[in-house]
Each structure stands twice: as structure tokens, then as C-alpha cells.
Amino acid sequence: MSSAARVDLDGNPIKTLTICMIGAGGFIGSHLCEKLMSETSHKVLAVDVYNDKIKHLLEPNSLPWADRIQFHRINIKNDSRLEGLIKMADLTINLAAICTPADYNTRPLDTIYSNFIDALPVVKYCSENNKRLIHFSTCEIYGKTVGSFLPTDHPLRQDPAFCVLSEDSSPCIFGPIDKQRWSYACAKQLIERLIYAEGAENGLEFTIVRPFNWIGPRMDFIPGIDGPSEGVPRVLACFSNNLLRREPLKLVDGGESQRTFIYIKDAIEAVHLMIENPARANGHIFNVGNPNNEVTVRQLAEMMIQVYSKVSGEETPEVATVDVSSKVFYGEGYDDSDKRIPDMTIINRQLGWNPKTSLWDLLESTLTYQHRTYAEAIKQAISKPVSTS
């Protein structure tokens, strides 16, 4: 698709870009690649160790965008080719991360290295070569809300000043060092501070994205099907796995934590605007979420049970949910935040963007995909006889 007639938010012609996308083979990367291939003329240098989720964009060679996307199988930990690809590009987007809560406790060193140490060369190469960087951070950067330190029944806990998270005014409040659940957030905060400092001291053009629970097809994995049997993905995939196997959904500490959820296609539209409006996006940190889709994790489970029954035609299980302690589910050192509601002021002002999709609609779309993709494989896996030694 030609971008010759397309203009940015200020009416300027949009230039065709070469984009080095690190982590292109993941959930977010696959949807962003789809968007760029189908709606723009930008070229993507897709960097990852896996390409399963973007194979439909790479094969066959007759695809209309075949000359605009190249896959480079690179582990950014130790591959000298990375700097060359960043030099070839106009923009680098870094999506690479360990971002699964179950790993923060059990693999804190890997989590810190992946989210801070491994990101250092990317920032360095962009700064030294005067290349623009869009870096993906996390809503976990905020840690706990100020309101969470008030008594449970205190009215100010619901006051937006105490619970809505703003990029330029909310503090980052983490738990004690022995709560290794915060290893991820701390590493992400430090790389954000480094990027910001590179901008201030060396003129790095950067944008930082803080995703608030992006949900949709191809998110994470289903244990034992396209991921390790012992793996623990994030909440949507965990609950999907339970539903597909007709098991009770496990509610950690009663599922009382509150979260907001946004449809991946809405979120990708926001990133698209950042890519094509550098004058409005550079130097900014953006929350990307949907404050209208706030629920407790228990309410999310109840909605998913209803939606899955609708899309699968199966009856609701007799025992739909079961409570489990965070210590049992995640292990020692787990901690959590009470709620995460994004302030949307900055992204609305700079990019005119707002999310559109309701929680029910995004769950219906996602669970329809999960059922069509995994239901038969799950049935076959369950029906296989267990071998005995």
C-alpha cells in the first residue's frame, strides 16, 4: 500500500521508513507487523529468535509485501549483526523482554538481564548512530498505587488522585527487595531512566510505551500445546487454558486485584500513530490502555466463563473457579499492586488517540480465536494415554 498520499496528524506527507523491530515474532510484534504490511509502505527488519507468529507474513514469497519484510534470526544478547540492522533502519522498536509474572519470582536474574542488560546495546546503538527509538516498557513501572497504603475502607482509595497512574506525576512504588516480583518493574524503570538520560544528554530521539494489559489472539501460549507443559503464561492465557481443559479457573489470592484490559488492535493503532508522528511522540512516555475496561481478576474470570460458553457452545463447568494463594501459585517472594488505571491525558493530547473496544467484545474475539486454534489439540492431548514406567 502506497503511503504517498498519506499525511500525519499535522498534515505533513508520511515518509516511508525502514524499521528495525526487535521482538517482532512475539504477540505485539506480530500484530504490529500485520498493521505495517497491510496499511503502509514501511519496510520491517524483523528481529527475533522465533518467527512462528509471523510466518503468515513471511511465506509465500508471492505475498504483496514480500519485499518489505525480512526476518533475521538473532539473539540480541550476543549477536554483532544487531548494530548493522539498527544502522540500516530509520527507527528501532524494541519489544524484547521477559514479561510473564511467573518468571519474576522464579527467574529474577534472567528477568533483570533481559529487561535491562540486554536492552543496553539497543539504546547505545540508537544513540551513537542518531537513530530514533520506540522502547516498550510496562505499566508495572508504577508498582503500587498511593491509595494502596490507605486503610482498606478509606474513601480516598477510589479517588483518582490516589489510584489513576500518570506518566509525568505518579511515583514508582515497589515492594521490599525480597519480593522478587518487582525485579521486572525495577529493571524496566532503570532502562527508562537510561533512555531518558540519553535523550537529555546526547539528543536521543525516543518514545517510551507503557502497555496496560494488551489482550488478543496469539497472546502468550497454551501450556503443553505451543509452550512448555510446566509454563505459567499471563492471566488471559492461564484462564483460556483452564477453559479449554474444562478446569476451574485459578484465582490468585481470591482474584481481588483490579486491572484494565485493552484490545491489541486498539493498542497497535496507538503505536502506529507514534511511528508516523515523530514530532508529536518524541520525548514522550505514553500509557496505552483502556480505563473503561476495569475489572477485578475475579470479574474477568466470570466474564471469560460466560464468553467461552457462548463461543464454544459448551456448558459452564459445575465448579467454575477456585481460589489459590499467591505463594502456592507463584512461589515465595510474590507481591502485587491493587489496581492499575491509566491516565490517558498525554496520549490523547499528543496523538488524539482513544481505545474503542469493550471488554466483552475483546474477550469474544480473543476466545473465539483460542477455541478455534486450540480446542481440538487440547482434546487430543487429553485423550492420549498416560505412559507408565
Protein backbone atom coordinates (compact mmCIF):
# COMPACT_ATOMS: atom_id res chain seq x y z
CA MET A 1 0.00 0.00 0.00
CA SER A 2 1.46 3.34 -1.05
CA SER A 3 1.96 5.97 1.61
CA ALA A 4 2.50 8.77 -0.97
CA ALA A 5 -0.96 10.27 -0.37
CA ARG A 6 -0.97 9.70 3.37
CA VAL A 7 -0.29 12.53 5.81
CA ASP A 8 0.48 12.69 9.52
CA LEU A 9 -1.62 14.41 12.18
CA ASP A 10 -0.14 17.80 11.22
CA GLY A 11 -0.83 17.37 7.51
CA ASN A 12 2.75 16.51 6.51
CA PRO A 13 3.43 13.71 4.00
CA ILE A 14 4.40 10.45 5.70
CA LYS A 15 7.84 9.22 4.66
CA THR A 16 8.41 5.53 4.01
CA LEU A 17 10.53 4.14 6.86
CA THR A 18 12.80 1.19 7.40
CA ILE A 19 12.00 -0.15 10.87
CA CYS A 20 14.21 -2.50 12.87
CA MET A 21 11.71 -4.33 15.08
CA ILE A 22 13.34 -6.32 17.88
CA GLY A 23 10.94 -8.96 19.22
CA ALA A 24 8.91 -8.93 16.00
CA GLY A 25 7.98 -12.60 16.41
CA GLY A 26 6.02 -12.11 19.62
CA PHE A 27 2.41 -11.25 20.39
CA ILE A 28 2.67 -7.46 19.99
CA GLY A 29 5.25 -7.66 17.21
CA SER A 30 3.12 -9.96 15.08
CA HIS A 31 0.14 -7.60 15.22
CA LEU A 32 2.31 -4.55 14.56
CA CYS A 33 3.92 -6.25 11.56
CA GLU A 34 0.46 -7.09 10.21
CA LYS A 35 -0.58 -3.45 10.54
CA LEU A 36 2.54 -2.13 8.84
CA MET A 37 2.37 -4.64 5.98
CA SER A 38 -1.34 -4.21 5.23
CA GLU A 39 -1.74 -0.45 5.71
CA THR A 40 1.62 1.22 4.99
CA SER A 41 4.61 1.01 2.66
CA HIS A 42 7.14 0.84 5.51
CA LYS A 43 9.82 -1.84 5.47
CA VAL A 44 10.41 -4.07 8.52
CA LEU A 45 13.64 -5.77 9.55
CA ALA A 46 12.04 -8.33 11.86
CA VAL A 47 14.46 -9.48 14.58
CA ASP A 48 13.69 -12.42 16.87
CA VAL A 49 14.73 -15.95 17.74
CA TYR A 50 11.31 -17.34 16.70
CA ASN A 51 9.02 -16.47 13.81
CA ASP A 52 6.04 -18.79 14.34
CA LYS A 53 3.61 -15.91 14.93
CA ILE A 54 4.67 -14.02 11.77
CA LYS A 55 5.15 -16.94 9.38
CA HIS A 56 1.92 -15.94 7.62
CA LEU A 57 3.61 -12.63 6.76
CA LEU A 58 6.86 -14.23 5.54
CA GLU A 59 5.53 -17.04 3.32
CA PRO A 60 4.90 -17.47 0.45
CA ASN A 61 7.19 -15.12 -1.50
CA SER A 62 4.23 -14.05 -3.62
CA LEU A 63 2.69 -12.01 -0.79
CA PRO A 64 2.20 -8.36 -1.84
CA TRP A 65 4.58 -7.16 0.91
CA ALA A 66 7.21 -9.89 0.44
CA ASP A 67 9.93 -7.36 -0.41
CA ARG A 68 9.11 -5.20 2.62
CA ILE A 69 9.68 -7.64 5.48
CA GLN A 70 12.86 -9.58 6.25
CA PHE A 71 13.26 -11.97 9.14
CA HIS A 72 16.61 -12.01 10.96
CA ARG A 73 17.03 -14.84 13.48
CA ILE A 74 19.10 -13.04 16.08
CA ASN A 75 19.52 -13.35 19.84
CA ILE A 76 20.30 -9.77 20.84
CA LYS A 77 22.32 -10.99 23.84
CA ASN A 78 25.36 -11.82 21.75
CA ASP A 79 24.98 -11.07 18.05
CA SER A 80 27.17 -8.45 16.38
CA ARG A 81 24.72 -8.13 13.48
CA LEU A 82 22.31 -6.11 15.62
CA GLU A 83 24.16 -2.80 15.27
CA GLY A 84 24.26 -3.19 11.49
CA LEU A 85 20.49 -3.63 11.34
CA ILE A 86 19.92 -0.60 13.57
CA LYS A 87 22.21 1.43 11.31
CA MET A 88 20.19 0.34 8.26
CA ALA A 89 16.93 1.49 9.85
CA ASP A 90 15.32 4.89 10.39
CA LEU A 91 13.56 3.70 13.53
CA THR A 92 14.17 0.89 16.03
CA ILE A 93 11.29 -0.58 18.03
CA ASN A 94 12.38 -2.71 20.99
CA LEU A 95 9.75 -5.22 22.12
CA ALA A 96 12.15 -7.83 23.52
CA ALA A 97 11.50 -8.74 27.17
CA ILE A 98 10.73 -11.41 29.71
CA CYS A 99 7.30 -10.21 30.77
CA THR A 100 5.49 -13.09 32.47
CA PRO A 101 4.77 -12.65 36.22
CA ALA A 102 5.52 -16.31 36.95
CA ASP A 103 9.11 -15.69 35.80
CA TYR A 104 9.73 -12.65 38.01
CA ASN A 105 9.91 -14.84 41.13
CA THR A 106 11.47 -17.98 39.70
CA ARG A 107 13.87 -16.35 37.20
CA PRO A 108 14.72 -12.95 38.67
CA LEU A 109 18.24 -12.88 37.20
CA ASP A 110 17.01 -13.69 33.69
CA THR A 111 14.26 -11.11 34.15
CA ILE A 112 16.71 -8.35 35.14
CA TYR A 113 19.21 -9.24 32.40
CA SER A 114 16.54 -9.46 29.71
CA ASN A 115 14.84 -6.18 30.57
CA PHE A 116 17.87 -4.07 31.43
CA ILE A 117 21.26 -5.55 30.48
CA ASP A 118 20.14 -6.91 27.09
CA ALA A 119 18.44 -3.61 26.24
CA LEU A 120 21.59 -1.54 26.86
CA PRO A 121 23.22 -2.19 23.44
CA VAL A 122 19.98 -1.26 21.66
CA VAL A 123 19.87 2.11 23.40
CA LYS A 124 23.62 2.62 22.85
CA TYR A 125 23.47 1.84 19.12
CA CYS A 126 20.47 4.12 18.59
CA SER A 127 22.12 6.98 20.46
CA GLU A 128 25.53 6.64 18.79
CA ASN A 129 24.02 6.37 15.30
CA ASN A 130 21.38 9.07 15.72
CA LYS A 131 18.50 6.64 15.23
CA ARG A 132 15.04 7.08 16.68
CA LEU A 133 13.93 4.55 19.31
CA ILE A 134 10.47 3.41 20.43
CA HIS A 135 11.02 1.36 23.58
CA PHE A 136 8.35 -0.83 25.13
CA SER A 137 8.24 -0.61 28.91
CA THR A 138 5.34 -1.70 31.15
CA CYS A 139 2.55 -0.44 33.38
CA GLU A 140 4.33 -2.37 36.15
CA ILE A 141 6.72 0.59 36.27
CA TYR A 142 4.24 2.28 38.61
CA GLY A 143 4.33 -0.53 41.16
CA LYS A 144 1.78 0.02 43.92
CA THR A 145 -0.72 2.88 43.97
CA VAL A 146 -0.53 5.57 46.65
CA GLY A 147 -4.06 4.57 47.64
CA SER A 148 -2.99 1.02 48.43
CA PHE A 149 -1.25 2.28 51.58
CA LEU A 150 -4.50 3.70 52.97
CA PRO A 151 -6.87 1.62 55.13
CA THR A 152 -8.99 -0.77 53.05
CA ASP A 153 -12.23 1.12 53.70
CA HIS A 154 -10.72 4.60 53.27
CA PRO A 155 -12.75 6.65 50.72
CA LEU A 156 -9.60 8.13 49.16
CA ARG A 157 -8.60 4.69 47.84
CA GLN A 158 -11.08 5.33 45.00
CA ASP A 159 -10.02 8.96 44.47
CA PRO A 160 -8.34 9.28 41.03
CA ALA A 161 -5.51 11.26 42.63
CA PHE A 162 -4.63 8.14 44.66
CA CYS A 163 -5.15 5.39 42.06
CA VAL A 164 -5.02 6.71 38.46
CA LEU A 165 -1.50 6.42 37.04
CA SER A 166 0.00 9.39 35.20
CA GLU A 167 3.23 9.30 33.21
CA ASP A 168 4.51 12.66 34.47
CA SER A 169 3.29 12.75 38.06
CA SER A 170 2.71 9.28 39.56
CA PRO A 171 5.53 7.87 41.71
CA CYS A 172 7.01 4.42 41.12
CA ILE A 173 6.45 2.47 44.36
CA PHE A 174 7.91 -1.02 44.62
CA GLY A 175 7.91 -3.60 47.40
CA PRO A 176 10.86 -4.78 49.53
CA ILE A 177 13.93 -6.30 47.88
CA ASP A 178 12.98 -9.83 49.00
CA LYS A 179 9.75 -9.52 47.00
CA GLN A 180 11.38 -10.55 43.73
CA ARG A 181 8.16 -9.98 41.85
CA TRP A 182 9.44 -6.38 41.47
CA SER A 183 12.62 -7.43 39.63
CA TYR A 184 10.81 -6.84 36.32
CA ALA A 185 9.43 -3.41 37.19
CA CYS A 186 12.74 -2.26 38.63
CA ALA A 187 14.69 -3.33 35.52
CA LYS A 188 12.14 -1.63 33.29
CA GLN A 189 12.33 1.57 35.34
CA LEU A 190 16.11 1.67 35.14
CA ILE A 191 16.16 1.25 31.33
CA GLU A 192 13.52 4.01 31.07
CA ARG A 193 15.75 6.31 33.13
CA LEU A 194 18.74 5.46 30.93
CA ILE A 195 16.77 6.22 27.75
CA TYR A 196 15.51 9.49 29.22
CA ALA A 197 19.08 10.44 30.21
CA GLU A 198 20.36 9.63 26.69
CA GLY A 199 17.71 11.96 25.35
CA ALA A 200 18.62 14.73 27.78
CA GLU A 201 22.41 14.47 27.44
CA ASN A 202 23.01 13.08 23.95
CA GLY A 203 19.89 14.04 22.00
CA LEU A 204 18.45 10.53 21.53
CA GLU A 205 15.02 10.74 19.91
CA PHE A 206 12.88 8.34 21.90
CA THR A 207 9.33 7.35 22.76
CA ILE A 208 8.51 5.05 25.68
CA VAL A 209 5.35 2.91 25.64
CA ARG A 210 3.77 1.64 28.87
CA PRO A 211 1.25 -1.09 27.92
CA PHE A 212 -1.66 -1.80 30.26
CA ASN A 213 -2.64 -5.45 29.67
CA TRP A 214 -2.89 -5.74 25.90
CA ILE A 215 -5.16 -8.68 25.02
CA GLY A 216 -5.90 -10.54 21.80
CA PRO A 217 -5.16 -13.50 19.52
CA ARG A 218 -1.66 -15.01 19.66
CA MET A 219 -1.05 -13.80 23.22
CA ASP A 220 1.42 -15.98 25.13
CA PHE A 221 0.94 -19.75 24.79
CA ILE A 222 -1.18 -22.69 25.91
CA PRO A 223 0.91 -24.96 28.18
CA GLY A 224 1.62 -28.35 26.63
CA ILE A 225 0.38 -27.28 23.20
CA ASP A 226 2.59 -24.47 21.89
CA GLY A 227 4.52 -23.85 25.10
CA PRO A 228 6.10 -25.83 27.95
CA SER A 229 3.72 -28.02 29.96
CA GLU A 230 5.01 -26.55 33.21
CA GLY A 231 4.83 -22.97 31.89
CA VAL A 232 2.60 -20.34 33.52
CA PRO A 233 1.53 -17.67 30.99
CA ARG A 234 -0.22 -14.41 31.83
CA VAL A 235 -3.76 -14.26 33.12
CA LEU A 236 -5.69 -14.42 29.84
CA ALA A 237 -3.79 -17.45 28.56
CA CYS A 238 -3.93 -19.08 32.01
CA PHE A 239 -7.70 -18.72 32.12
CA SER A 240 -8.01 -19.78 28.46
CA ASN A 241 -6.05 -22.94 29.23
CA ASN A 242 -8.38 -23.72 32.13
CA LEU A 243 -11.46 -23.14 29.96
CA LEU A 244 -10.14 -25.28 27.09
CA ARG A 245 -9.41 -28.11 29.51
CA ARG A 246 -12.70 -27.58 31.39
CA GLU A 247 -10.81 -26.95 34.63
CA PRO A 248 -11.67 -24.40 37.33
CA LEU A 249 -10.04 -21.02 36.75
CA LYS A 250 -7.43 -20.36 39.44
CA LEU A 251 -7.92 -17.04 41.23
CA VAL A 252 -4.70 -15.92 42.91
CA ASP A 253 -5.45 -14.54 46.39
CA GLY A 254 -9.14 -14.53 45.55
CA GLY A 255 -8.78 -12.53 42.32
CA GLU A 256 -9.28 -9.22 44.14
CA SER A 257 -6.63 -7.25 42.21
CA GLN A 258 -8.12 -4.78 39.75
CA ARG A 259 -6.82 -4.39 36.21
CA THR A 260 -7.74 -2.68 32.95
CA PHE A 261 -7.59 -4.56 29.63
CA ILE A 262 -7.27 -3.25 26.08
CA TYR A 263 -7.74 -4.96 22.71
CA ILE A 264 -4.49 -5.46 20.83
CA LYS A 265 -5.82 -3.85 17.64
CA ASP A 266 -6.73 -0.65 19.51
CA ALA A 267 -3.27 -0.57 21.10
CA ILE A 268 -1.49 -1.17 17.79
CA GLU A 269 -3.33 1.82 16.32
CA ALA A 270 -1.73 3.95 19.05
CA VAL A 271 1.74 2.62 18.20
CA HIS A 272 1.10 3.26 14.51
CA LEU A 273 0.41 6.91 15.35
CA MET A 274 3.65 7.11 17.34
CA ILE A 275 5.62 5.70 14.40
CA GLU A 276 4.22 8.16 11.89
CA ASN A 277 4.08 11.27 14.09
CA PRO A 278 7.60 11.65 15.50
CA ALA A 279 7.20 15.38 16.10
CA ARG A 280 4.32 14.61 18.48
CA ALA A 281 5.73 11.40 20.00
CA ASN A 282 9.43 12.08 20.52
CA GLY A 283 10.46 12.69 24.12
CA HIS A 284 7.18 11.37 25.49
CA ILE A 285 6.16 8.43 27.67
CA PHE A 286 2.71 7.09 26.78
CA ASN A 287 0.28 5.00 28.79
CA VAL A 288 -1.58 2.74 26.34
CA GLY A 289 -4.60 1.15 27.97
CA ASN A 290 -8.36 1.31 28.34
CA PRO A 291 -9.55 2.76 31.68
CA ASN A 292 -13.15 1.90 30.73
CA ASN A 293 -12.35 -1.83 30.86
CA GLU A 294 -11.51 -2.08 34.56
CA VAL A 295 -12.48 -5.26 36.44
CA THR A 296 -11.20 -7.40 39.27
CA VAL A 297 -9.44 -10.57 38.17
CA ARG A 298 -12.41 -12.48 39.61
CA GLN A 299 -14.80 -10.48 37.42
CA LEU A 300 -12.55 -11.14 34.42
CA ALA A 301 -12.74 -14.88 35.12
CA GLU A 302 -16.54 -14.75 35.39
CA MET A 303 -16.80 -12.85 32.08
CA MET A 304 -14.44 -15.26 30.33
CA ILE A 305 -16.50 -18.24 31.53
CA GLN A 306 -19.64 -16.67 30.06
CA VAL A 307 -17.98 -15.66 26.79
CA TYR A 308 -16.29 -19.02 26.29
CA SER A 309 -19.57 -20.84 26.84
CA LYS A 310 -21.07 -18.66 24.09
CA VAL A 311 -18.28 -19.10 21.52
CA SER A 312 -17.70 -22.82 22.19
CA GLY A 313 -21.29 -23.93 22.72
CA GLU A 314 -20.18 -25.79 25.86
CA GLU A 315 -21.95 -25.64 29.19
CA THR A 316 -20.39 -23.77 32.09
CA PRO A 317 -18.38 -26.12 34.36
CA GLU A 318 -20.05 -27.02 37.65
CA VAL A 319 -17.04 -25.69 39.60
CA ALA A 320 -16.03 -22.59 37.63
CA THR A 321 -13.31 -21.05 39.81
CA VAL A 322 -11.04 -22.00 42.68
CA ASP A 323 -9.03 -19.74 44.99
CA VAL A 324 -5.28 -20.30 45.33
CA SER A 325 -2.70 -18.38 47.34
CA SER A 326 -0.02 -16.39 45.54
CA LYS A 327 2.61 -18.35 47.49
CA VAL A 328 1.31 -21.64 46.07
CA PHE A 329 0.76 -20.27 42.55
CA TYR A 330 3.87 -18.09 42.13
CA GLY A 331 6.15 -19.18 44.98
CA GLU A 332 7.91 -17.19 47.69
CA GLY A 333 8.60 -13.52 47.06
CA TYR A 334 5.42 -12.66 45.17
CA ASP A 335 3.80 -9.28 45.73
CA ASP A 336 1.16 -7.36 43.78
CA SER A 337 -0.43 -3.98 43.18
CA ASP A 338 -4.07 -3.35 43.99
CA LYS A 339 -5.11 -1.66 40.75
CA ARG A 340 -3.73 -0.14 37.56
CA ILE A 341 -5.78 2.54 35.82
CA PRO A 342 -4.01 4.55 33.10
CA ASP A 343 -4.35 8.31 32.82
CA MET A 344 -4.95 8.95 29.10
CA THR A 345 -4.37 12.72 29.07
CA ILE A 346 -0.96 12.78 27.38
CA ILE A 347 -1.64 10.29 24.57
CA ASN A 348 -5.00 11.92 23.86
CA ARG A 349 -3.42 15.38 23.71
CA GLN A 350 -0.40 14.39 21.60
CA LEU A 351 -1.91 11.79 19.28
CA GLY A 352 -5.69 12.22 19.58
CA TRP A 353 -5.97 8.52 20.38
CA ASN A 354 -8.58 6.75 22.48
CA PRO A 355 -9.37 3.00 22.74
CA LYS A 356 -12.64 1.74 21.26
CA THR A 357 -13.24 -1.93 22.08
CA SER A 358 -15.27 -3.03 25.11
CA LEU A 359 -14.01 -5.78 27.40
CA TRP A 360 -16.82 -8.12 26.34
CA ASP A 361 -16.04 -7.63 22.64
CA LEU A 362 -12.30 -8.11 23.03
CA LEU A 363 -12.87 -11.29 25.06
CA GLU A 364 -15.30 -12.61 22.46
CA SER A 365 -12.79 -12.03 19.65
CA THR A 366 -9.89 -13.49 21.62
CA LEU A 367 -11.69 -16.55 22.98
CA THR A 368 -13.14 -17.33 19.54
CA TYR A 369 -9.54 -17.44 18.29
CA GLN A 370 -8.40 -19.53 21.26
CA HIS A 371 -11.21 -22.05 20.76
CA ARG A 372 -10.64 -22.40 17.01
CA THR A 373 -6.87 -22.64 17.42
CA TYR A 374 -6.52 -24.90 20.45
CA ALA A 375 -9.71 -26.82 21.29
CA GLU A 376 -9.02 -29.83 19.07
CA ALA A 377 -5.34 -30.03 20.08
CA ILE A 378 -6.34 -29.94 23.75
CA LYS A 379 -8.86 -32.76 23.24
CA GLN A 380 -6.24 -34.90 21.53
CA ALA A 381 -3.70 -34.19 24.28
CA ILE A 382 -6.19 -35.11 27.00
CA SER A 383 -7.23 -38.33 25.23
CA LYS A 384 -3.66 -39.63 24.91
CA PRO A 385 -2.99 -42.47 27.37
CA VAL A 386 -0.56 -41.60 30.14
CA SER A 387 2.56 -43.77 29.87
CA THR A 388 3.62 -45.68 32.97
CA SER A 389 7.17 -46.70 33.70
